[in-house]
Amino acid sequence: MRSRTSFTRNSNIIKSTKLQGDIVENVLLICKKELAIDDLSSEIQSKMQLSYKHLKKYMVHLIDYELITYNGQRKVFLIEDEGLELLDWINREKDEEMIDSEDILITIEKESQKLI
């Protein structure tokens, strides 16, 4: 059974593709450790089979939707407050729906920015 609830940051127009809850959850948890991409990739590989290309796709989405950021000086990925909120949401969904994070599909919304 897949959870159909969406995590919504703002009232929005732009939506992300559907993201697998278990991948998002693992990336966000690992970003709490403030790791470089190689270390982050190694840690993800130890938890789940995920290609570097697939991980990179998820990282782009999570950065674009401001759930994680990259600190260029320290060369590490960091979790943002919105990422922590999403982790809380995932945990609530797992508890309330009695499902695993693999059963959660996430669509993230954000406001479109108009260019003048």
C-alpha atoms as a PDB file:
ATOM      1  CA  MET A   1       0.000   0.000   0.000  1.00  0.00           C
ATOM      2  CA  ARG A   2       1.391   3.407  -0.956  1.00  0.00           C
ATOM      3  CA  SER A   3       0.761   6.499   1.101  1.00  0.00           C
ATOM      4  CA  ARG A   4      -0.844   9.186  -1.017  1.00  0.00           C
ATOM      5  CA  THR A   5      -0.345  12.088   1.374  1.00  0.00           C
ATOM      6  CA  SER A   6       1.895  14.864   0.010  1.00  0.00           C
ATOM      7  CA  PHE A   7       4.438  16.808   2.004  1.00  0.00           C
ATOM      8  CA  THR A   8       3.670  20.422   1.100  1.00  0.00           C
ATOM      9  CA  ARG A   9       6.119  23.223   1.893  1.00  0.00           C
ATOM     10  CA  ASN A  10       4.034  26.084   0.520  1.00  0.00           C
ATOM     11  CA  SER A  11       0.921  26.605  -1.541  1.00  0.00           C
ATOM     12  CA  ASN A  12       2.576  25.991  -4.853  1.00  0.00           C
ATOM     13  CA  ILE A  13       2.530  25.480  -8.544  1.00  0.00           C
ATOM     14  CA  ILE A  14       5.764  23.553  -9.204  1.00  0.00           C
ATOM     15  CA  LYS A  15       5.813  19.907  -8.094  1.00  0.00           C
ATOM     16  CA  SER A  16       8.734  17.515  -7.920  1.00  0.00           C
ATOM     17  CA  THR A  17       8.642  14.119  -9.525  1.00  0.00           C
ATOM     18  CA  LYS A  18       7.509  11.329  -7.220  1.00  0.00           C
ATOM     19  CA  LEU A  19      10.401  10.491  -4.902  1.00  0.00           C
ATOM     20  CA  GLN A  20      10.779   7.203  -3.047  1.00  0.00           C
ATOM     21  CA  GLY A  21      10.394   7.732   0.693  1.00  0.00           C
ATOM     22  CA  ASP A  22      13.145   5.326   1.709  1.00  0.00           C
ATOM     23  CA  ILE A  23      15.742   7.056  -0.480  1.00  0.00           C
ATOM     24  CA  VAL A  24      14.717  10.540   0.679  1.00  0.00           C
ATOM     25  CA  GLU A  25      14.703   9.425   4.307  1.00  0.00           C
ATOM     26  CA  ASN A  26      18.175   7.870   4.073  1.00  0.00           C
ATOM     27  CA  VAL A  27      19.705  10.846   2.239  1.00  0.00           C
ATOM     28  CA  LEU A  28      18.247  13.312   4.749  1.00  0.00           C
ATOM     29  CA  LEU A  29      19.456  11.246   7.710  1.00  0.00           C
ATOM     30  CA  ILE A  30      22.941  11.005   6.233  1.00  0.00           C
ATOM     31  CA  CYS A  31      23.017  14.753   5.508  1.00  0.00           C
ATOM     32  CA  LYS A  32      22.566  15.316   9.249  1.00  0.00           C
ATOM     33  CA  LYS A  33      26.144  13.964   9.525  1.00  0.00           C
ATOM     34  CA  GLU A  34      27.481  16.686   7.185  1.00  0.00           C
ATOM     35  CA  LEU A  35      29.339  14.393   4.780  1.00  0.00           C
ATOM     36  CA  ALA A  36      31.073  14.962   1.447  1.00  0.00           C
ATOM     37  CA  ILE A  37      29.444  13.393  -1.627  1.00  0.00           C
ATOM     38  CA  ASP A  38      31.827  10.411  -1.732  1.00  0.00           C
ATOM     39  CA  ASP A  39      31.209   9.598   1.938  1.00  0.00           C
ATOM     40  CA  LEU A  40      27.485  10.171   1.507  1.00  0.00           C
ATOM     41  CA  SER A  41      27.451   7.859  -1.510  1.00  0.00           C
ATOM     42  CA  SER A  42      29.386   5.153   0.371  1.00  0.00           C
ATOM     43  CA  GLU A  43      27.017   5.331   3.308  1.00  0.00           C
ATOM     44  CA  ILE A  44      23.960   5.131   1.045  1.00  0.00           C
ATOM     45  CA  GLN A  45      25.498   2.120  -0.730  1.00  0.00           C
ATOM     46  CA  SER A  46      25.952   0.369   2.611  1.00  0.00           C
ATOM     47  CA  LYS A  47      22.215   0.791   3.343  1.00  0.00           C
ATOM     48  CA  MET A  48      20.619   0.254  -0.064  1.00  0.00           C
ATOM     49  CA  GLN A  49      21.438  -0.536  -3.672  1.00  0.00           C
ATOM     50  CA  LEU A  50      21.415   2.872  -5.327  1.00  0.00           C
ATOM     51  CA  SER A  51      23.559   3.925  -8.255  1.00  0.00           C
ATOM     52  CA  TYR A  52      25.592   7.113  -8.077  1.00  0.00           C
ATOM     53  CA  LYS A  53      23.531   8.485 -10.985  1.00  0.00           C
ATOM     54  CA  HIS A  54      20.272   7.808  -9.116  1.00  0.00           C
ATOM     55  CA  LEU A  55      21.667   9.323  -5.906  1.00  0.00           C
ATOM     56  CA  LYS A  56      22.746  12.433  -7.805  1.00  0.00           C
ATOM     57  CA  LYS A  57      19.204  12.815  -9.207  1.00  0.00           C
ATOM     58  CA  TYR A  58      17.793  12.734  -5.685  1.00  0.00           C
ATOM     59  CA  MET A  59      20.421  15.177  -4.412  1.00  0.00           C
ATOM     60  CA  VAL A  60      19.484  17.649  -7.160  1.00  0.00           C
ATOM     61  CA  HIS A  61      15.791  17.439  -6.199  1.00  0.00           C
ATOM     62  CA  LEU A  62      16.501  17.803  -2.488  1.00  0.00           C
ATOM     63  CA  ILE A  63      18.752  20.812  -3.083  1.00  0.00           C
ATOM     64  CA  ASP A  64      16.287  22.376  -5.530  1.00  0.00           C
ATOM     65  CA  TYR A  65      13.480  22.058  -2.997  1.00  0.00           C
ATOM     66  CA  GLU A  66      15.726  23.459  -0.229  1.00  0.00           C
ATOM     67  CA  LEU A  67      15.679  20.335   1.928  1.00  0.00           C
ATOM     68  CA  ILE A  68      19.473  20.075   1.862  1.00  0.00           C
ATOM     69  CA  THR A  69      22.277  22.456   0.892  1.00  0.00           C
ATOM     70  CA  TYR A  70      25.881  22.124  -0.178  1.00  0.00           C
ATOM     71  CA  ASN A  71      28.551  24.035   1.736  1.00  0.00           C
ATOM     72  CA  GLY A  72      31.279  24.673  -0.835  1.00  0.00           C
ATOM     73  CA  GLN A  73      33.904  25.787   1.675  1.00  0.00           C
ATOM     74  CA  ARG A  74      33.585  22.660   3.782  1.00  0.00           C
ATOM     75  CA  LYS A  75      32.551  20.498   0.782  1.00  0.00           C
ATOM     76  CA  VAL A  76      29.715  18.835   2.702  1.00  0.00           C
ATOM     77  CA  PHE A  77      25.963  18.448   2.368  1.00  0.00           C
ATOM     78  CA  LEU A  78      23.790  19.805   5.166  1.00  0.00           C
ATOM     79  CA  ILE A  79      20.164  19.178   6.061  1.00  0.00           C
ATOM     80  CA  GLU A  80      17.946  22.261   6.207  1.00  0.00           C
ATOM     81  CA  ASP A  81      15.048  22.908   8.595  1.00  0.00           C
ATOM     82  CA  GLU A  82      12.600  21.893   5.844  1.00  0.00           C
ATOM     83  CA  GLY A  83      14.493  18.611   5.501  1.00  0.00           C
ATOM     84  CA  LEU A  84      14.083  17.991   9.224  1.00  0.00           C
ATOM     85  CA  GLU A  85      10.370  18.749   8.866  1.00  0.00           C
ATOM     86  CA  LEU A  86      10.144  16.221   6.036  1.00  0.00           C
ATOM     87  CA  LEU A  87      11.882  13.578   8.196  1.00  0.00           C
ATOM     88  CA  ASP A  88       9.306  14.236  10.918  1.00  0.00           C
ATOM     89  CA  TRP A  89       6.516  13.910   8.350  1.00  0.00           C
ATOM     90  CA  ILE A  90       7.934  10.594   7.083  1.00  0.00           C
ATOM     91  CA  ASN A  91       8.097   9.250  10.642  1.00  0.00           C
ATOM     92  CA  ARG A  92       4.505  10.340  11.344  1.00  0.00           C
ATOM     93  CA  GLU A  93       3.307   8.686   8.124  1.00  0.00           C
ATOM     94  CA  LYS A  94       5.088   5.461   9.042  1.00  0.00           C
ATOM     95  CA  ASP A  95       3.547   5.494  12.524  1.00  0.00           C
ATOM     96  CA  GLU A  96       0.023   6.559  11.534  1.00  0.00           C
ATOM     97  CA  GLU A  97      -0.284   4.386   8.437  1.00  0.00           C
ATOM     98  CA  MET A  98       1.809   1.506   9.854  1.00  0.00           C
ATOM     99  CA  ILE A  99       3.910   1.376   6.698  1.00  0.00           C
ATOM    100  CA  ASP A 100       7.613   1.389   5.858  1.00  0.00           C
ATOM    101  CA  SER A 101       9.340   4.310   4.184  1.00  0.00           C
ATOM    102  CA  GLU A 102       9.618   2.155   1.017  1.00  0.00           C
ATOM    103  CA  ASP A 103       5.828   2.431   0.756  1.00  0.00           C
ATOM    104  CA  ILE A 104       5.849   6.244   0.749  1.00  0.00           C
ATOM    105  CA  LEU A 105       5.948   8.298  -2.440  1.00  0.00           C
ATOM    106  CA  ILE A 106       6.770  11.958  -1.899  1.00  0.00           C
ATOM    107  CA  THR A 107       5.817  14.889  -4.095  1.00  0.00           C
ATOM    108  CA  ILE A 108       7.247  18.200  -2.956  1.00  0.00           C
ATOM    109  CA  GLU A 109       5.716  21.488  -4.000  1.00  0.00           C
ATOM    110  CA  LYS A 110       7.176  24.987  -4.063  1.00  0.00           C
ATOM    111  CA  GLU A 111       6.171  28.385  -5.301  1.00  0.00           C
ATOM    112  CA  SER A 112       7.236  29.264  -8.789  1.00  0.00           C
ATOM    113  CA  GLN A 113       9.509  32.256  -9.112  1.00  0.00           C
ATOM    114  CA  LYS A 114       8.596  34.731 -11.787  1.00  0.00           C
ATOM    115  CA  LEU A 115      11.503  36.205 -13.693  1.00  0.00           C
ATOM    116  CA  ILE A 116      11.096  39.777 -14.864  1.00  0.00           C
END
